[in-house]
C-alpha atoms as a PDB file:
ATOM      1  CA  ASP A   1      13.443 -16.251  28.903  1.00  0.00           C
ATOM      2  CA  PHE A   2      10.511 -14.082  27.231  1.00  0.00           C
ATOM      3  CA  SER A   3      12.481 -10.833  26.932  1.00  0.00           C
ATOM      4  CA  SER A   4      15.065 -12.352  24.677  1.00  0.00           C
ATOM      5  CA  LYS A   5      12.231 -12.802  22.274  1.00  0.00           C
ATOM      6  CA  LEU A   6      11.630  -9.178  21.957  1.00  0.00           C
ATOM      7  CA  LYS A   7      13.440  -7.850  19.063  1.00  0.00           C
ATOM      8  CA  ASN A   8      14.195  -4.188  18.018  1.00  0.00           C
ATOM      9  CA  ILE A   9      13.007  -4.340  14.377  1.00  0.00           C
ATOM     10  CA  LEU A  10      12.955  -0.599  14.113  1.00  0.00           C
ATOM     11  CA  LYS A  11      16.624  -0.021  15.070  1.00  0.00           C
ATOM     12  CA  ARG A  12      16.427   3.659  15.348  1.00  0.00           C
ATOM     13  CA  ASN A  13      15.254   4.191  11.839  1.00  0.00           C
ATOM     14  CA  PHE A  14      13.063   7.044  12.640  1.00  0.00           C
ATOM     15  CA  ASN A  15      12.534   8.238   9.206  1.00  0.00           C
ATOM     16  CA  PRO A  16      10.110   5.731   7.094  1.00  0.00           C
ATOM     17  CA  GLU A  17       9.310   6.808   3.534  1.00  0.00           C
ATOM     18  CA  LYS A  18       5.638   6.999   4.081  1.00  0.00           C
ATOM     19  CA  PRO A  19       2.892   7.162   6.667  1.00  0.00           C
ATOM     20  CA  ASN A  20       1.681   3.982   8.524  1.00  0.00           C
ATOM     21  CA  SER A  21       4.993   2.306   8.086  1.00  0.00           C
ATOM     22  CA  ALA A  22       6.272   2.674  11.626  1.00  0.00           C
ATOM     23  CA  TRP A  23       4.561   3.883  14.820  1.00  0.00           C
ATOM     24  CA  CYS A  24       6.078   4.393  18.280  1.00  0.00           C
ATOM     25  CA  THR A  25       4.223   4.499  21.540  1.00  0.00           C
ATOM     26  CA  ASP A  26       5.044   5.076  25.136  1.00  0.00           C
ATOM     27  CA  ILE A  27       3.525   6.262  28.420  1.00  0.00           C
ATOM     28  CA  THR A  28       4.271   9.468  30.525  1.00  0.00           C
ATOM     29  CA  TYR A  29       2.869  10.734  33.663  1.00  0.00           C
ATOM     30  CA  ILE A  30       1.417  14.076  34.503  1.00  0.00           C
ATOM     31  CA  TRP A  31       1.258  15.545  38.170  1.00  0.00           C
ATOM     32  CA  THR A  32      -2.285  16.861  39.143  1.00  0.00           C
ATOM     33  CA  GLN A  33      -2.722  18.758  42.492  1.00  0.00           C
ATOM     34  CA  GLU A  34      -5.844  16.953  43.446  1.00  0.00           C
ATOM     35  CA  GLU A  35      -5.530  13.283  42.025  1.00  0.00           C
ATOM     36  CA  GLY A  36      -1.918  12.634  41.922  1.00  0.00           C
ATOM     37  CA  PHE A  37      -0.508  11.319  38.629  1.00  0.00           C
ATOM     38  CA  VAL A  38      -2.481  10.677  35.576  1.00  0.00           C
ATOM     39  CA  TYR A  39      -1.071   9.022  32.566  1.00  0.00           C
ATOM     40  CA  LEU A  40      -0.564  10.030  28.856  1.00  0.00           C
ATOM     41  CA  THR A  41      -0.213   7.079  26.387  1.00  0.00           C
ATOM     42  CA  SER A  42       0.654   8.415  22.878  1.00  0.00           C
ATOM     43  CA  ILE A  43       1.178   6.856  19.442  1.00  0.00           C
ATOM     44  CA  MET A  44       3.205   8.633  16.977  1.00  0.00           C
ATOM     45  CA  ASP A  45       3.712   8.009  13.245  1.00  0.00           C
ATOM     46  CA  LEU A  46       7.366   8.340  12.592  1.00  0.00           C
ATOM     47  CA  TYR A  47       6.780   9.588   9.073  1.00  0.00           C
ATOM     48  CA  SER A  48       5.317  12.887  10.116  1.00  0.00           C
ATOM     49  CA  ARG A  49       5.816  12.774  13.966  1.00  0.00           C
ATOM     50  CA  LYS A  50       2.050  13.114  14.054  1.00  0.00           C
ATOM     51  CA  ILE A  51       0.248  11.946  17.268  1.00  0.00           C
ATOM     52  CA  ILE A  52      -2.229   9.604  15.667  1.00  0.00           C
ATOM     53  CA  ALA A  53      -3.852   8.494  18.886  1.00  0.00           C
ATOM     54  CA  TRP A  54      -3.584   9.450  22.559  1.00  0.00           C
ATOM     55  CA  LYS A  55      -5.326   8.517  25.959  1.00  0.00           C
ATOM     56  CA  LEU A  56      -5.072  10.107  29.215  1.00  0.00           C
ATOM     57  CA  THR A  57      -5.928   7.781  31.987  1.00  0.00           C
ATOM     58  CA  LYS A  58      -5.967   7.571  35.739  1.00  0.00           C
ATOM     59  CA  THR A  59      -4.181   4.215  35.968  1.00  0.00           C
ATOM     60  CA  MET A  60      -1.660   2.429  33.800  1.00  0.00           C
ATOM     61  CA  GLU A  61      -3.749  -0.721  33.412  1.00  0.00           C
ATOM     62  CA  VAL A  62      -3.067  -2.602  30.231  1.00  0.00           C
ATOM     63  CA  GLU A  63      -6.739  -2.154  29.310  1.00  0.00           C
ATOM     64  CA  GLU A  64      -6.369   1.520  29.433  1.00  0.00           C
ATOM     65  CA  VAL A  65      -3.259   1.760  27.435  1.00  0.00           C
ATOM     66  CA  LEU A  66      -4.507  -0.628  24.682  1.00  0.00           C
ATOM     67  CA  LYS A  67      -7.450   1.796  24.156  1.00  0.00           C
ATOM     68  CA  CYS A  68      -4.881   4.218  22.509  1.00  0.00           C
ATOM     69  CA  LEU A  69      -3.828   1.452  20.198  1.00  0.00           C
ATOM     70  CA  GLU A  70      -7.366   0.442  19.265  1.00  0.00           C
ATOM     71  CA  GLU A  71      -7.924   4.136  18.536  1.00  0.00           C
ATOM     72  CA  ALA A  72      -4.841   4.450  16.291  1.00  0.00           C
ATOM     73  CA  LYS A  73      -5.913   1.352  14.304  1.00  0.00           C
ATOM     74  CA  ARG A  74      -9.335   2.800  13.999  1.00  0.00           C
ATOM     75  CA  ARG A  75      -8.208   6.223  12.810  1.00  0.00           C
ATOM     76  CA  ARG A  76      -5.730   4.982  10.495  1.00  0.00           C
ATOM     77  CA  LYS A  77      -7.562   1.928   9.065  1.00  0.00           C
ATOM     78  CA  THR A  78      -4.130   0.578   7.417  1.00  0.00           C
ATOM     79  CA  ASP A  79      -3.744  -2.582   5.845  1.00  0.00           C
ATOM     80  CA  ASN A  80       0.033  -2.270   5.828  1.00  0.00           C
ATOM     81  CA  PRO A  81       1.936  -4.372   8.371  1.00  0.00           C
ATOM     82  CA  VAL A  82       3.021  -1.390  10.501  1.00  0.00           C
ATOM     83  CA  VAL A  83       5.932  -1.642  12.892  1.00  0.00           C
ATOM     84  CA  ILE A  84       4.828  -0.674  16.289  1.00  0.00           C
ATOM     85  CA  HIS A  85       7.806   0.108  18.554  1.00  0.00           C
ATOM     86  CA  SER A  86       7.716   0.524  22.391  1.00  0.00           C
ATOM     87  CA  ASP A  87       9.819  -0.027  25.491  1.00  0.00           C
ATOM     88  CA  ARG A  88       9.395  -3.283  27.445  1.00  0.00           C
ATOM     89  CA  GLY A  89       6.943  -1.987  29.793  1.00  0.00           C
ATOM     90  CA  VAL A  90       4.369  -4.424  31.248  1.00  0.00           C
ATOM     91  CA  GLN A  91       1.567  -2.895  29.124  1.00  0.00           C
ATOM     92  CA  PHE A  92       3.478  -3.448  25.805  1.00  0.00           C
ATOM     93  CA  THR A  93       4.708  -6.986  26.679  1.00  0.00           C
ATOM     94  CA  SER A  94       1.358  -8.124  27.978  1.00  0.00           C
ATOM     95  CA  LYS A  95      -0.827 -11.060  26.154  1.00  0.00           C
ATOM     96  CA  LYS A  96      -3.535  -8.525  25.472  1.00  0.00           C
ATOM     97  CA  TYR A  97      -1.111  -6.143  23.758  1.00  0.00           C
ATOM     98  CA  TYR A  98       0.202  -8.996  21.765  1.00  0.00           C
ATOM     99  CA  ASN A  99      -3.186 -10.097  20.728  1.00  0.00           C
ATOM    100  CA  LEU A 100      -4.105  -6.539  19.690  1.00  0.00           C
ATOM    101  CA  THR A 101      -0.903  -6.339  17.505  1.00  0.00           C
ATOM    102  CA  VAL A 102      -1.596  -9.467  15.578  1.00  0.00           C
ATOM    103  CA  GLY A 103      -0.847  -8.506  12.025  1.00  0.00           C
ATOM    104  CA  MET A 104       1.651  -5.650  13.001  1.00  0.00           C
ATOM    105  CA  ILE A 105       5.320  -6.060  13.504  1.00  0.00           C
ATOM    106  CA  GLY A 106       6.194  -5.792  17.086  1.00  0.00           C
ATOM    107  CA  SER A 107       9.462  -4.028  17.946  1.00  0.00           C
ATOM    108  CA  TYR A 108      10.862  -3.169  21.228  1.00  0.00           C
ATOM    109  CA  SER A 109      13.647  -1.009  22.614  1.00  0.00           C
ATOM    110  CA  LYS A 110      16.597  -2.630  24.310  1.00  0.00           C
ATOM    111  CA  LYS A 111      16.218  -2.993  27.925  1.00  0.00           C
ATOM    112  CA  GLY A 112      16.778   0.264  29.673  1.00  0.00           C
ATOM    113  CA  ASN A 113      17.618   2.117  26.395  1.00  0.00           C
ATOM    114  CA  PRO A 114      15.267   5.250  25.973  1.00  0.00           C
ATOM    115  CA  TRP A 115      17.215   6.364  22.827  1.00  0.00           C
ATOM    116  CA  ASP A 116      15.718   3.412  20.807  1.00  0.00           C
ATOM    117  CA  ASN A 117      12.289   5.106  21.388  1.00  0.00           C
ATOM    118  CA  ALA A 118      13.748   8.694  21.031  1.00  0.00           C
ATOM    119  CA  CYS A 119      10.862  10.267  18.990  1.00  0.00           C
ATOM    120  CA  ILE A 120       8.041   9.650  21.470  1.00  0.00           C
ATOM    121  CA  GLU A 121      10.269  10.165  24.502  1.00  0.00           C
ATOM    122  CA  SER A 122      11.127  13.545  22.864  1.00  0.00           C
ATOM    123  CA  PHE A 123       7.476  14.426  22.263  1.00  0.00           C
ATOM    124  CA  HIS A 124       6.680  13.628  25.782  1.00  0.00           C
ATOM    125  CA  ALA A 125       9.389  15.987  26.915  1.00  0.00           C
ATOM    126  CA  LEU A 126       8.145  18.475  24.692  1.00  0.00           C
ATOM    127  CA  ILE A 127       4.383  18.571  25.672  1.00  0.00           C
ATOM    128  CA  LYS A 128       5.716  19.087  29.344  1.00  0.00           C
ATOM    129  CA  ARG A 129       8.266  21.760  28.647  1.00  0.00           C
ATOM    130  CA  GLU A 130       6.156  23.647  26.077  1.00  0.00           C
ATOM    131  CA  TRP A 131       2.661  23.313  27.611  1.00  0.00           C
ATOM    132  CA  LEU A 132       1.852  21.232  30.778  1.00  0.00           C
ATOM    133  CA  ASN A 133       4.814  22.479  32.992  1.00  0.00           C
ATOM    134  CA  ARG A 134       3.651  26.206  32.666  1.00  0.00           C
ATOM    135  CA  LYS A 135       0.715  25.975  35.140  1.00  0.00           C
ATOM    136  CA  LYS A 136      -0.370  23.896  38.153  1.00  0.00           C
ATOM    137  CA  ILE A 137      -2.834  21.253  36.867  1.00  0.00           C
ATOM    138  CA  ASN A 138      -5.749  20.566  39.563  1.00  0.00           C
ATOM    139  CA  ASP A 139      -7.130  17.390  38.230  1.00  0.00           C
ATOM    140  CA  TYR A 140      -7.757  14.811  35.349  1.00  0.00           C
ATOM    141  CA  SER A 141     -10.298  17.073  33.675  1.00  0.00           C
ATOM    142  CA  GLU A 142      -7.891  19.933  33.610  1.00  0.00           C
ATOM    143  CA  ALA A 143      -5.006  17.701  32.389  1.00  0.00           C
ATOM    144  CA  TYR A 144      -7.163  16.368  29.722  1.00  0.00           C
ATOM    145  CA  GLN A 145      -8.176  19.771  28.477  1.00  0.00           C
ATOM    146  CA  MET A 146      -4.463  20.844  28.362  1.00  0.00           C
ATOM    147  CA  VAL A 147      -3.477  17.650  26.506  1.00  0.00           C
ATOM    148  CA  PHE A 148      -6.073  18.081  23.991  1.00  0.00           C
ATOM    149  CA  GLU A 149      -5.290  21.626  23.394  1.00  0.00           C
ATOM    150  CA  TYR A 150      -1.775  20.996  22.897  1.00  0.00           C
ATOM    151  CA  ILE A 151      -1.943  17.920  20.501  1.00  0.00           C
ATOM    152  CA  GLU A 152      -5.092  18.670  18.622  1.00  0.00           C
ATOM    153  CA  GLY A 153      -4.966  22.499  18.588  1.00  0.00           C
ATOM    154  CA  PHE A 154      -1.296  23.041  18.202  1.00  0.00           C
ATOM    155  CA  TYR A 155       1.297  19.973  17.870  1.00  0.00           C
ATOM    156  CA  ASN A 156      -0.360  18.151  14.904  1.00  0.00           C
ATOM    157  CA  THR A 157      -1.793  21.219  13.171  1.00  0.00           C
ATOM    158  CA  VAL A 158       0.356  24.473  13.779  1.00  0.00           C
ATOM    159  CA  ARG A 159       3.670  23.411  15.225  1.00  0.00           C
ATOM    160  CA  ILE A 160       6.487  23.057  12.668  1.00  0.00           C
ATOM    161  CA  HIS A 161       9.040  20.501  12.739  1.00  0.00           C
ATOM    162  CA  SER A 162      12.361  20.496  11.132  1.00  0.00           C
ATOM    163  CA  HIS A 163      11.776  16.798  10.332  1.00  0.00           C
ATOM    164  CA  CYS A 164       8.778  17.730   8.324  1.00  0.00           C
ATOM    165  CA  ASP A 165      10.413  20.385   6.130  1.00  0.00           C
ATOM    166  CA  TYR A 166       9.358  23.027   8.755  1.00  0.00           C
ATOM    167  CA  GLN A 167       5.538  22.169   8.284  1.00  0.00           C
ATOM    168  CA  SER A 168       3.144  20.717  10.757  1.00  0.00           C
ATOM    169  CA  PRO A 169       2.640  16.920  10.831  1.00  0.00           C
ATOM    170  CA  ASN A 170      -0.793  17.372   9.411  1.00  0.00           C
ATOM    171  CA  LYS A 171       0.472  19.486   6.535  1.00  0.00           C
ATOM    172  CA  TYR A 172       3.431  17.110   5.847  1.00  0.00           C
ATOM    173  CA  GLU A 173       1.083  14.148   5.512  1.00  0.00           C
ATOM    174  CA  LYS A 174      -1.470  16.094   3.488  1.00  0.00           C
ATOM    175  CA  ASN A 175       1.453  16.831   1.250  1.00  0.00           C
ATOM    176  CA  TYR A 176       2.608  13.252   1.011  1.00  0.00           C
ATOM    177  CA  TYR A 177      -0.960  12.140  -0.102  1.00  0.00           C
ATOM    178  CA  GLN A 178      -1.341  14.862  -2.598  1.00  0.00           C
ATOM    179  CA  ASN A 179       1.833  13.942  -4.229  1.00  0.00           C
ATOM    180  CA  ASN A 180       1.344  10.140  -4.106  1.00  0.00           C
ATOM    181  CA  LEU A 181      -2.155   9.523  -5.118  1.00  0.00           C
ATOM    182  CA  ASN A 182      -1.255   7.935  -8.501  1.00  0.00           C
END
């Protein structure tokens, strides 16, 4: 049985010692008045809680979701064998996802256990609570604009996190690199 081969490598170790050690990913839905659901795929670097890549799509097709992972790999240009943690959704257990994660360390939540992916689940709850649920969203275009404003204009750059010593994810990572350039 395929699912018995999916191991939880991360084991809820949500506090890696450096960036690009462990990423987690998930998909959430956003309701729009005119187009129904649109889907936000996000990838978080667990070191800083930074959203390193995100894609808003009209479907949850595997190809659409994989664009987010391609973006994360392009932005981070890491040679490290990054742990990439997700739930067991069909997008994350597909052959295409497997092929895209060659060289990475695949890690999966236990079946029906959202706590194994708590950080990204928490982010998706946060973006809805702090931003998206505050107004009616008409369509994909409006949803995209709101997600962009929240992640790029607030969450990564301004919003402080207790996990990051009360700094933004960007500042926390910048401090790491300034202190570890030797």
